[in-house]
Amino acid sequence: MSFEAISSITQAEAEARAMVAGAEQRARQLAADAENAGKLAVDAAAAKAAEELAELSRQVDDKARAQAEAYAAELENKKAALRAKAGGKLDQAAALVVERIVNS
């Protein structure tokens, strides 16, 4: 084989090794970029989920507070009605006691 042919083959082999090394480097870079993008996507999804959870928690707290206030108002109304009813019976009971004492 001539020196030119050997030199050409050596040069082609060197170019092939350089191309393979470049492709491997590019593949490693693409894999690293994809991993970083994946981590960023997971972090963004976690942050969004945390925000949504906080908003839902706030809504639930607001709804629970409103229901508690409504129940408290309803109970106050019932309590006032029972007191009024009891007050009327108290007057009747007092009149009955006075009547019995007077009639005895």
C-alpha atoms as a PDB file:
ATOM      1  CA  MET A   1       0.000   0.000   0.000  1.00  0.00           C
ATOM      2  CA  SER A   2       1.253   3.428  -0.798  1.00  0.00           C
ATOM      3  CA  PHE A   3       2.005   6.034   1.771  1.00  0.00           C
ATOM      4  CA  GLU A   4      -0.816   8.191   0.417  1.00  0.00           C
ATOM      5  CA  ALA A   5      -3.338   5.384   0.858  1.00  0.00           C
ATOM      6  CA  ILE A   6      -2.157   4.700   4.423  1.00  0.00           C
ATOM      7  CA  SER A   7      -2.209   8.409   5.183  1.00  0.00           C
ATOM      8  CA  SER A   8      -5.705   8.728   3.708  1.00  0.00           C
ATOM      9  CA  ILE A   9      -6.977   5.757   5.745  1.00  0.00           C
ATOM     10  CA  THR A  10      -5.361   7.142   8.906  1.00  0.00           C
ATOM     11  CA  GLN A  11      -6.909  10.525   8.255  1.00  0.00           C
ATOM     12  CA  ALA A  12     -10.333   8.946   7.594  1.00  0.00           C
ATOM     13  CA  GLU A  13     -10.072   6.941  10.820  1.00  0.00           C
ATOM     14  CA  ALA A  14      -9.124  10.097  12.755  1.00  0.00           C
ATOM     15  CA  GLU A  15     -12.050  11.984  11.219  1.00  0.00           C
ATOM     16  CA  ALA A  16     -14.391   9.085  12.053  1.00  0.00           C
ATOM     17  CA  ARG A  17     -13.143   9.030  15.667  1.00  0.00           C
ATOM     18  CA  ALA A  18     -13.625  12.811  15.879  1.00  0.00           C
ATOM     19  CA  MET A  19     -17.140  12.490  14.461  1.00  0.00           C
ATOM     20  CA  VAL A  20     -17.992   9.712  16.929  1.00  0.00           C
ATOM     21  CA  ALA A  21     -16.555  11.740  19.821  1.00  0.00           C
ATOM     22  CA  GLY A  22     -18.511  14.794  18.682  1.00  0.00           C
ATOM     23  CA  ALA A  23     -21.713  12.756  18.394  1.00  0.00           C
ATOM     24  CA  GLU A  24     -21.168  11.257  21.852  1.00  0.00           C
ATOM     25  CA  GLN A  25     -20.555  14.718  23.296  1.00  0.00           C
ATOM     26  CA  ARG A  26     -23.703  16.049  21.593  1.00  0.00           C
ATOM     27  CA  ALA A  27     -25.697  13.073  22.903  1.00  0.00           C
ATOM     28  CA  ARG A  28     -24.442  13.686  26.449  1.00  0.00           C
ATOM     29  CA  GLN A  29     -25.343  17.370  26.134  1.00  0.00           C
ATOM     30  CA  LEU A  30     -28.828  16.555  24.822  1.00  0.00           C
ATOM     31  CA  ALA A  31     -29.373  14.089  27.665  1.00  0.00           C
ATOM     32  CA  ALA A  32     -28.232  16.678  30.232  1.00  0.00           C
ATOM     33  CA  ASP A  33     -30.466  19.330  28.660  1.00  0.00           C
ATOM     34  CA  ALA A  34     -33.433  16.943  28.691  1.00  0.00           C
ATOM     35  CA  GLU A  35     -32.791  16.051  32.338  1.00  0.00           C
ATOM     36  CA  ASN A  36     -32.591  19.724  33.298  1.00  0.00           C
ATOM     37  CA  ALA A  37     -35.767  20.480  31.368  1.00  0.00           C
ATOM     38  CA  GLY A  38     -37.480  17.570  33.102  1.00  0.00           C
ATOM     39  CA  LYS A  39     -36.391  18.801  36.527  1.00  0.00           C
ATOM     40  CA  LEU A  40     -37.642  22.290  35.719  1.00  0.00           C
ATOM     41  CA  ALA A  41     -40.975  20.882  34.542  1.00  0.00           C
ATOM     42  CA  VAL A  42     -41.342  18.822  37.731  1.00  0.00           C
ATOM     43  CA  ASP A  43     -40.447  21.840  39.878  1.00  0.00           C
ATOM     44  CA  ALA A  44     -42.942  24.012  37.986  1.00  0.00           C
ATOM     45  CA  ALA A  45     -45.663  21.370  38.362  1.00  0.00           C
ATOM     46  CA  ALA A  46     -44.935  21.058  42.089  1.00  0.00           C
ATOM     47  CA  ALA A  47     -45.093  24.833  42.530  1.00  0.00           C
ATOM     48  CA  LYS A  48     -48.360  25.026  40.598  1.00  0.00           C
ATOM     49  CA  ALA A  49     -49.806  22.176  42.666  1.00  0.00           C
ATOM     50  CA  ALA A  50     -48.761  23.944  45.876  1.00  0.00           C
ATOM     51  CA  GLU A  51     -50.433  27.161  44.699  1.00  0.00           C
ATOM     52  CA  GLU A  52     -53.614  25.307  43.759  1.00  0.00           C
ATOM     53  CA  LEU A  53     -53.609  23.495  47.093  1.00  0.00           C
ATOM     54  CA  ALA A  54     -53.214  26.780  48.956  1.00  0.00           C
ATOM     55  CA  GLU A  55     -56.088  28.314  46.972  1.00  0.00           C
ATOM     56  CA  LEU A  56     -58.342  25.310  47.575  1.00  0.00           C
ATOM     57  CA  SER A  57     -57.455  25.380  51.267  1.00  0.00           C
ATOM     58  CA  ARG A  58     -58.357  29.073  51.414  1.00  0.00           C
ATOM     59  CA  GLN A  59     -61.666  28.411  49.660  1.00  0.00           C
ATOM     60  CA  VAL A  60     -62.481  25.554  52.020  1.00  0.00           C
ATOM     61  CA  ASP A  61     -61.623  27.733  55.032  1.00  0.00           C
ATOM     62  CA  ASP A  62     -63.827  30.542  53.705  1.00  0.00           C
ATOM     63  CA  LYS A  63     -66.710  28.167  53.055  1.00  0.00           C
ATOM     64  CA  ALA A  64     -66.349  26.541  56.483  1.00  0.00           C
ATOM     65  CA  ARG A  65     -66.244  29.961  58.143  1.00  0.00           C
ATOM     66  CA  ALA A  66     -69.386  31.058  56.265  1.00  0.00           C
ATOM     67  CA  GLN A  67     -71.207  27.868  57.231  1.00  0.00           C
ATOM     68  CA  ALA A  68     -70.135  28.223  60.855  1.00  0.00           C
ATOM     69  CA  GLU A  69     -71.396  31.811  60.902  1.00  0.00           C
ATOM     70  CA  ALA A  70     -74.704  30.725  59.334  1.00  0.00           C
ATOM     71  CA  TYR A  71     -75.091  27.943  61.901  1.00  0.00           C
ATOM     72  CA  ALA A  72     -74.236  30.348  64.716  1.00  0.00           C
ATOM     73  CA  ALA A  73     -76.851  32.825  63.495  1.00  0.00           C
ATOM     74  CA  GLU A  74     -79.425  30.037  63.185  1.00  0.00           C
ATOM     75  CA  LEU A  75     -78.638  28.836  66.710  1.00  0.00           C
ATOM     76  CA  GLU A  76     -78.905  32.386  68.052  1.00  0.00           C
ATOM     77  CA  ASN A  77     -82.356  32.667  66.445  1.00  0.00           C
ATOM     78  CA  LYS A  78     -83.443  29.346  67.959  1.00  0.00           C
ATOM     79  CA  LYS A  79     -82.037  30.391  71.332  1.00  0.00           C
ATOM     80  CA  ALA A  80     -83.953  33.679  71.203  1.00  0.00           C
ATOM     81  CA  ALA A  81     -87.154  31.846  70.244  1.00  0.00           C
ATOM     82  CA  LEU A  82     -86.711  29.371  73.114  1.00  0.00           C
ATOM     83  CA  ARG A  83     -86.024  32.202  75.558  1.00  0.00           C
ATOM     84  CA  ALA A  84     -89.133  34.051  74.403  1.00  0.00           C
ATOM     85  CA  LYS A  85     -91.199  30.888  74.733  1.00  0.00           C
ATOM     86  CA  ALA A  86     -89.689  30.188  78.158  1.00  0.00           C
ATOM     87  CA  GLY A  87     -90.316  33.772  79.212  1.00  0.00           C
ATOM     88  CA  GLY A  88     -94.019  33.418  78.394  1.00  0.00           C
ATOM     89  CA  LYS A  89     -94.222  30.180  80.370  1.00  0.00           C
ATOM     90  CA  LEU A  90     -92.383  31.837  83.257  1.00  0.00           C
ATOM     91  CA  ASP A  91     -95.124  34.468  83.461  1.00  0.00           C
ATOM     92  CA  GLN A  92     -97.785  31.708  83.383  1.00  0.00           C
ATOM     93  CA  ALA A  93     -95.957  29.759  86.088  1.00  0.00           C
ATOM     94  CA  ALA A  94     -95.643  32.844  88.279  1.00  0.00           C
ATOM     95  CA  ALA A  95     -99.345  33.600  87.823  1.00  0.00           C
ATOM     96  CA  LEU A  96    -100.209  29.995  88.709  1.00  0.00           C
ATOM     97  CA  VAL A  97     -98.062  30.112  91.841  1.00  0.00           C
ATOM     98  CA  VAL A  98     -99.628  33.414  92.912  1.00  0.00           C
ATOM     99  CA  GLU A  99    -103.121  32.050  92.228  1.00  0.00           C
ATOM    100  CA  ARG A 100    -102.466  28.954  94.304  1.00  0.00           C
ATOM    101  CA  ILE A 101    -101.052  30.973  97.147  1.00  0.00           C
ATOM    102  CA  VAL A 102    -103.978  33.403  97.078  1.00  0.00           C
ATOM    103  CA  ASN A 103    -106.581  30.638  96.801  1.00  0.00           C
ATOM    104  CA  SER A 104    -105.109  28.573  99.614  1.00  0.00           C
END
